[in-house]
C-alpha atoms as a PDB file:
ATOM      1  CA  UNK A   1     -13.351  23.019  -2.516  1.00  0.00           C
ATOM      2  CA  UNK A   2     -12.593  19.406  -3.352  1.00  0.00           C
ATOM      3  CA  UNK A   3      -9.709  17.583  -1.787  1.00  0.00           C
ATOM      4  CA  UNK A   4      -8.180  14.670  -3.680  1.00  0.00           C
ATOM      5  CA  UNK A   5      -5.930  12.005  -2.296  1.00  0.00           C
ATOM      6  CA  UNK A   6      -4.114   9.502  -4.488  1.00  0.00           C
ATOM      7  CA  UNK A   7      -2.953   6.065  -3.367  1.00  0.00           C
ATOM      8  CA  UNK A   8      -1.741   2.797  -4.856  1.00  0.00           C
ATOM      9  CA  UNK A   9       1.606   3.831  -6.260  1.00  0.00           C
ATOM     10  CA  UNK A  10       4.734   1.842  -5.712  1.00  0.00           C
ATOM     11  CA  UNK A  11       7.553  -0.128  -7.304  1.00  0.00           C
ATOM     12  CA  UNK A  12       6.773  -2.781  -9.903  1.00  0.00           C
ATOM     13  CA  UNK A  13       8.652  -4.713 -12.504  1.00  0.00           C
ATOM     14  CA  UNK A  14       8.138  -4.155 -16.161  1.00  0.00           C
ATOM     15  CA  UNK A  15       5.114  -6.028 -17.375  1.00  0.00           C
ATOM     16  CA  UNK A  16       3.409  -5.782 -14.002  1.00  0.00           C
ATOM     17  CA  UNK A  17       0.269  -4.036 -12.907  1.00  0.00           C
ATOM     18  CA  UNK A  18      -0.797  -1.421 -10.390  1.00  0.00           C
ATOM     19  CA  UNK A  19      -4.152   0.174  -9.591  1.00  0.00           C
ATOM     20  CA  UNK A  20      -4.153   3.817  -8.490  1.00  0.00           C
ATOM     21  CA  UNK A  21      -7.064   5.288  -6.525  1.00  0.00           C
ATOM     22  CA  UNK A  22      -8.178   8.895  -6.093  1.00  0.00           C
ATOM     23  CA  UNK A  23     -10.505   9.601  -3.207  1.00  0.00           C
ATOM     24  CA  UNK A  24     -12.453  12.777  -3.143  1.00  0.00           C
ATOM     25  CA  UNK A  25     -13.643  14.630  -0.149  1.00  0.00           C
ATOM     26  CA  UNK A  26     -17.037  15.683  -1.263  1.00  0.00           C
ATOM     27  CA  UNK A  27     -20.259  14.057  -2.291  1.00  0.00           C
ATOM     28  CA  UNK A  28     -20.321  16.475  -5.267  1.00  0.00           C
ATOM     29  CA  UNK A  29     -17.648  14.235  -6.763  1.00  0.00           C
ATOM     30  CA  UNK A  30     -20.244  13.006  -9.270  1.00  0.00           C
ATOM     31  CA  UNK A  31     -20.515  16.493 -10.693  1.00  0.00           C
ATOM     32  CA  UNK A  32     -16.876  16.560 -11.825  1.00  0.00           C
ATOM     33  CA  UNK A  33     -14.979  15.204 -14.716  1.00  0.00           C
ATOM     34  CA  UNK A  34     -11.812  13.532 -13.450  1.00  0.00           C
ATOM     35  CA  UNK A  35      -8.413  13.130 -15.001  1.00  0.00           C
ATOM     36  CA  UNK A  36      -5.086  11.397 -14.418  1.00  0.00           C
ATOM     37  CA  UNK A  37      -1.863  13.208 -15.297  1.00  0.00           C
ATOM     38  CA  UNK A  38       1.753  12.160 -14.830  1.00  0.00           C
ATOM     39  CA  UNK A  39       5.080  13.906 -14.513  1.00  0.00           C
ATOM     40  CA  UNK A  40       8.340  12.100 -15.063  1.00  0.00           C
ATOM     41  CA  UNK A  41      11.651  13.505 -13.722  1.00  0.00           C
ATOM     42  CA  UNK A  42      12.843  16.395 -15.848  1.00  0.00           C
ATOM     43  CA  UNK A  43       9.719  16.370 -17.991  1.00  0.00           C
ATOM     44  CA  UNK A  44       6.549  18.383 -18.093  1.00  0.00           C
ATOM     45  CA  UNK A  45       3.264  17.083 -16.679  1.00  0.00           C
ATOM     46  CA  UNK A  46       1.359  15.158 -19.326  1.00  0.00           C
ATOM     47  CA  UNK A  47      -2.200  13.986 -19.819  1.00  0.00           C
ATOM     48  CA  UNK A  48      -2.810  10.286 -19.160  1.00  0.00           C
ATOM     49  CA  UNK A  49      -6.582   9.661 -19.093  1.00  0.00           C
ATOM     50  CA  UNK A  50      -9.856  11.369 -18.351  1.00  0.00           C
ATOM     51  CA  UNK A  51     -13.421  10.269 -17.514  1.00  0.00           C
ATOM     52  CA  UNK A  52     -16.699  12.184 -17.646  1.00  0.00           C
ATOM     53  CA  UNK A  53     -18.721  12.871 -14.567  1.00  0.00           C
ATOM     54  CA  UNK A  54     -21.129   9.989 -15.448  1.00  0.00           C
ATOM     55  CA  UNK A  55     -18.298   7.623 -16.412  1.00  0.00           C
ATOM     56  CA  UNK A  56     -19.692   7.177 -19.908  1.00  0.00           C
ATOM     57  CA  UNK A  57     -16.910   8.963 -21.767  1.00  0.00           C
ATOM     58  CA  UNK A  58     -13.219   8.115 -21.401  1.00  0.00           C
ATOM     59  CA  UNK A  59     -10.186   9.478 -23.276  1.00  0.00           C
ATOM     60  CA  UNK A  60      -6.636   8.138 -23.158  1.00  0.00           C
ATOM     61  CA  UNK A  61      -3.254   9.327 -24.205  1.00  0.00           C
ATOM     62  CA  UNK A  62      -1.879   7.283 -27.074  1.00  0.00           C
ATOM     63  CA  UNK A  63       1.007   6.130 -24.938  1.00  0.00           C
ATOM     64  CA  UNK A  64      -1.293   4.271 -22.479  1.00  0.00           C
ATOM     65  CA  UNK A  65      -4.205   3.270 -24.733  1.00  0.00           C
ATOM     66  CA  UNK A  66      -4.895  -0.473 -24.464  1.00  0.00           C
ATOM     67  CA  UNK A  67      -2.848  -0.785 -21.251  1.00  0.00           C
ATOM     68  CA  UNK A  68      -4.507   1.620 -18.795  1.00  0.00           C
ATOM     69  CA  UNK A  69      -8.172   1.742 -17.833  1.00  0.00           C
ATOM     70  CA  UNK A  70      -9.833   4.716 -16.051  1.00  0.00           C
ATOM     71  CA  UNK A  71     -12.981   4.199 -14.055  1.00  0.00           C
ATOM     72  CA  UNK A  72     -14.957   5.747 -11.254  1.00  0.00           C
ATOM     73  CA  UNK A  73     -17.378   4.831  -8.505  1.00  0.00           C
ATOM     74  CA  UNK A  74     -19.511   7.828  -7.768  1.00  0.00           C
ATOM     75  CA  UNK A  75     -21.120   6.078  -4.736  1.00  0.00           C
ATOM     76  CA  UNK A  76     -17.630   5.846  -3.166  1.00  0.00           C
ATOM     77  CA  UNK A  77     -16.374   9.218  -4.367  1.00  0.00           C
ATOM     78  CA  UNK A  78     -13.400   7.442  -5.894  1.00  0.00           C
ATOM     79  CA  UNK A  79     -11.673   7.238  -9.283  1.00  0.00           C
ATOM     80  CA  UNK A  80      -9.306   4.528 -10.359  1.00  0.00           C
ATOM     81  CA  UNK A  81      -6.538   3.958 -12.881  1.00  0.00           C
ATOM     82  CA  UNK A  82      -5.771   0.255 -13.664  1.00  0.00           C
ATOM     83  CA  UNK A  83      -2.371   0.108 -15.164  1.00  0.00           C
ATOM     84  CA  UNK A  84      -1.316  -3.134 -16.891  1.00  0.00           C
ATOM     85  CA  UNK A  85       1.766  -4.109 -18.966  1.00  0.00           C
ATOM     86  CA  UNK A  86       3.717  -1.357 -17.265  1.00  0.00           C
ATOM     87  CA  UNK A  87       6.893  -0.081 -18.913  1.00  0.00           C
ATOM     88  CA  UNK A  88       9.838   1.770 -17.424  1.00  0.00           C
ATOM     89  CA  UNK A  89       8.764   4.872 -19.337  1.00  0.00           C
ATOM     90  CA  UNK A  90       5.551   4.875 -17.230  1.00  0.00           C
ATOM     91  CA  UNK A  91       7.676   5.842 -14.211  1.00  0.00           C
ATOM     92  CA  UNK A  92       6.346   9.182 -12.976  1.00  0.00           C
ATOM     93  CA  UNK A  93       4.402  10.851 -10.243  1.00  0.00           C
ATOM     94  CA  UNK A  94       0.704  10.391 -11.032  1.00  0.00           C
ATOM     95  CA  UNK A  95      -1.757  13.115 -10.141  1.00  0.00           C
ATOM     96  CA  UNK A  96      -5.558  13.014 -10.160  1.00  0.00           C
ATOM     97  CA  UNK A  97      -7.550  16.128 -10.918  1.00  0.00           C
ATOM     98  CA  UNK A  98     -11.158  17.294 -10.913  1.00  0.00           C
ATOM     99  CA  UNK A  99     -12.778  19.750 -13.327  1.00  0.00           C
ATOM    100  CA  UNK A 100     -15.858  20.615 -15.251  1.00  0.00           C
ATOM    101  CA  UNK A 101     -14.723  19.396 -18.628  1.00  0.00           C
ATOM    102  CA  UNK A 102     -13.646  15.908 -19.823  1.00  0.00           C
ATOM    103  CA  UNK A 103     -10.450  17.316 -21.381  1.00  0.00           C
ATOM    104  CA  UNK A 104      -6.791  16.568 -22.178  1.00  0.00           C
ATOM    105  CA  UNK A 105      -5.593  19.963 -21.048  1.00  0.00           C
ATOM    106  CA  UNK A 106      -4.555  20.408 -17.479  1.00  0.00           C
ATOM    107  CA  UNK A 107      -6.052  23.901 -17.640  1.00  0.00           C
ATOM    108  CA  UNK A 108      -9.516  22.311 -17.541  1.00  0.00           C
ATOM    109  CA  UNK A 109      -8.951  20.967 -14.040  1.00  0.00           C
ATOM    110  CA  UNK A 110      -9.371  23.073 -10.935  1.00  0.00           C
ATOM    111  CA  UNK A 111      -8.538  20.656  -8.126  1.00  0.00           C
ATOM    112  CA  UNK A 112      -5.427  18.543  -7.865  1.00  0.00           C
ATOM    113  CA  UNK A 113      -4.142  15.825  -5.555  1.00  0.00           C
ATOM    114  CA  UNK A 114      -0.618  15.647  -4.180  1.00  0.00           C
ATOM    115  CA  UNK A 115       0.471  12.782  -6.430  1.00  0.00           C
ATOM    116  CA  UNK A 116       1.617   9.193  -5.971  1.00  0.00           C
ATOM    117  CA  UNK A 117       4.927   7.823  -7.236  1.00  0.00           C
ATOM    118  CA  UNK A 118       4.946   4.917  -9.665  1.00  0.00           C
ATOM    119  CA  UNK A 119       8.273   3.383 -10.501  1.00  0.00           C
ATOM    120  CA  UNK A 120       8.648   0.596 -13.081  1.00  0.00           C
ATOM    121  CA  UNK A 121      11.959  -1.267 -13.090  1.00  0.00           C
ATOM    122  CA  UNK A 122      13.331  -2.939 -16.173  1.00  0.00           C
END
């Protein structure tokens, strides 16, 4: 069992930045691929970014490519999402997830955090 806790969400103006963190409960964190997903009000959860267990491979949704950066620190059991040039359409609850595959599909992830709210005002 892996417990994941997100932090760093909040309210920011368009064009601003936020950094989300996802802290994992176990030292086996380095064995897992990690992902960020988001869910806006009235919409389905969507893939945002993913990173391989080693951190070598990263994949981004087209909507965030060039603005968001996913990273991880396996020594700290923590994953990050640096979000720059934020837009109102980035407003959502952001979830981190752990799985065995570096994948876009949420079905590849077994463990999920509770989410952190990001609100971008225009």
